[in-house]
Amino acid sequence: SHIMSEYVRMTDTERDQIDQDAQVFMRTCADAIHQLRTEAHKGVQSAQVKEHRTAVLDFIEDYLKRVCKLYSEQRAIRVKRVVDKKRL
């Protein structure tokens, strides 16, 4: 109980700011991946290097998509709680 008394809850404003920052960050990451994909094959002669870079970028893009999905699920839970709280 001592630990819980020291626990400070975040305000809705703080949560909204985190949501906004997370969305900006995810968009920035997606743009960076797209830019890297565009530049990855410039001047590269080796098919093996091109294939490797493509695979790495595919992996990074897939990871970002999974992070975005997890974020969306967490945000949906938060929105549902707010809606449920307003109903009560």
Protein backbone atom coordinates (compact mmCIF):
# COMPACT_ATOMS: atom_id res chain seq x y z
CA SER A 1 0.00 0.00 0.00
CA HIS A 2 2.96 2.30 0.61
CA ILE A 3 4.05 1.91 -3.00
CA MET A 4 0.54 2.63 -4.24
CA SER A 5 0.33 5.82 -2.20
CA GLU A 6 3.42 7.14 -3.99
CA TYR A 7 2.00 6.25 -7.38
CA VAL A 8 0.85 9.31 -9.27
CA ARG A 9 -1.69 8.85 -12.00
CA MET A 10 -1.25 10.52 -15.34
CA THR A 11 -3.77 13.14 -16.34
CA ASP A 12 -5.82 12.87 -19.51
CA THR A 13 -3.85 15.81 -20.89
CA GLU A 14 -0.59 13.93 -20.34
CA ARG A 15 -2.04 10.83 -22.01
CA ASP A 16 -3.24 12.91 -24.96
CA GLN A 17 0.23 14.43 -25.32
CA ILE A 18 1.83 10.97 -25.27
CA ASP A 19 -0.66 9.79 -27.92
CA GLN A 20 0.13 12.78 -30.11
CA ASP A 21 3.89 12.34 -29.69
CA ALA A 22 3.63 8.61 -30.42
CA GLN A 23 1.71 9.25 -33.64
CA VAL A 24 4.27 11.81 -34.79
CA PHE A 25 7.10 9.43 -33.94
CA MET A 26 5.51 6.52 -35.83
CA ARG A 27 4.93 8.71 -38.88
CA THR A 28 8.53 9.93 -38.72
CA CYS A 29 9.77 6.34 -38.56
CA ALA A 30 7.60 5.31 -41.52
CA ASP A 31 8.90 8.26 -43.55
CA ALA A 32 12.51 7.40 -42.64
CA ILE A 33 12.01 3.79 -43.71
CA HIS A 34 10.51 4.94 -46.99
CA GLN A 35 13.44 7.30 -47.57
CA LEU A 36 15.94 4.55 -46.74
CA ARG A 37 14.17 2.20 -49.14
CA THR A 38 14.43 4.81 -51.89
CA GLU A 39 18.14 5.39 -51.26
CA ALA A 40 19.12 1.80 -50.46
CA HIS A 41 19.65 0.70 -54.04
CA LYS A 42 21.31 3.80 -55.46
CA GLY A 43 24.69 2.94 -56.87
CA VAL A 44 24.59 -0.67 -55.69
CA GLN A 45 25.70 -3.18 -58.30
CA SER A 46 25.49 -6.41 -56.32
CA ALA A 47 22.18 -8.25 -56.36
CA GLN A 48 23.09 -9.80 -53.02
CA VAL A 49 23.53 -6.39 -51.38
CA LYS A 50 20.22 -5.19 -52.84
CA GLU A 51 18.46 -8.32 -51.57
CA HIS A 52 20.02 -7.92 -48.12
CA ARG A 53 19.01 -4.28 -47.83
CA THR A 54 15.50 -5.06 -48.99
CA ALA A 55 15.19 -7.83 -46.39
CA VAL A 56 16.47 -5.58 -43.59
CA LEU A 57 14.09 -2.78 -44.54
CA ASP A 58 11.19 -5.25 -44.81
CA PHE A 59 12.01 -6.49 -41.31
CA ILE A 60 12.18 -2.96 -39.88
CA GLU A 61 8.94 -1.98 -41.60
CA ASP A 62 7.19 -5.09 -40.29
CA TYR A 63 8.43 -4.33 -36.77
CA LEU A 64 7.08 -0.78 -37.00
CA LYS A 65 3.72 -2.11 -38.18
CA ARG A 66 3.55 -4.45 -35.19
CA VAL A 67 4.41 -1.58 -32.83
CA CYS A 68 1.71 0.59 -34.44
CA LYS A 69 -0.82 -2.23 -34.08
CA LEU A 70 0.03 -2.67 -30.40
CA TYR A 71 -0.23 1.08 -29.85
CA SER A 72 -3.63 1.15 -31.59
CA GLU A 73 -4.90 -1.69 -29.44
CA GLN A 74 -3.74 0.06 -26.26
CA ARG A 75 -5.31 3.32 -27.35
CA ALA A 76 -8.59 1.56 -28.16
CA ILE A 77 -8.63 0.16 -24.62
CA ARG A 78 -8.13 3.65 -23.22
CA VAL A 79 -10.90 5.11 -25.39
CA LYS A 80 -13.24 2.28 -24.38
CA ARG A 81 -12.56 2.98 -20.70
CA VAL A 82 -13.30 6.67 -21.17
CA VAL A 83 -16.55 5.89 -22.98
CA ASP A 84 -17.56 3.37 -20.31
CA LYS A 85 -16.75 5.88 -17.58
CA LYS A 86 -18.92 8.54 -19.26
CA ARG A 87 -21.82 6.08 -19.53
CA LEU A 88 -21.73 5.46 -15.80
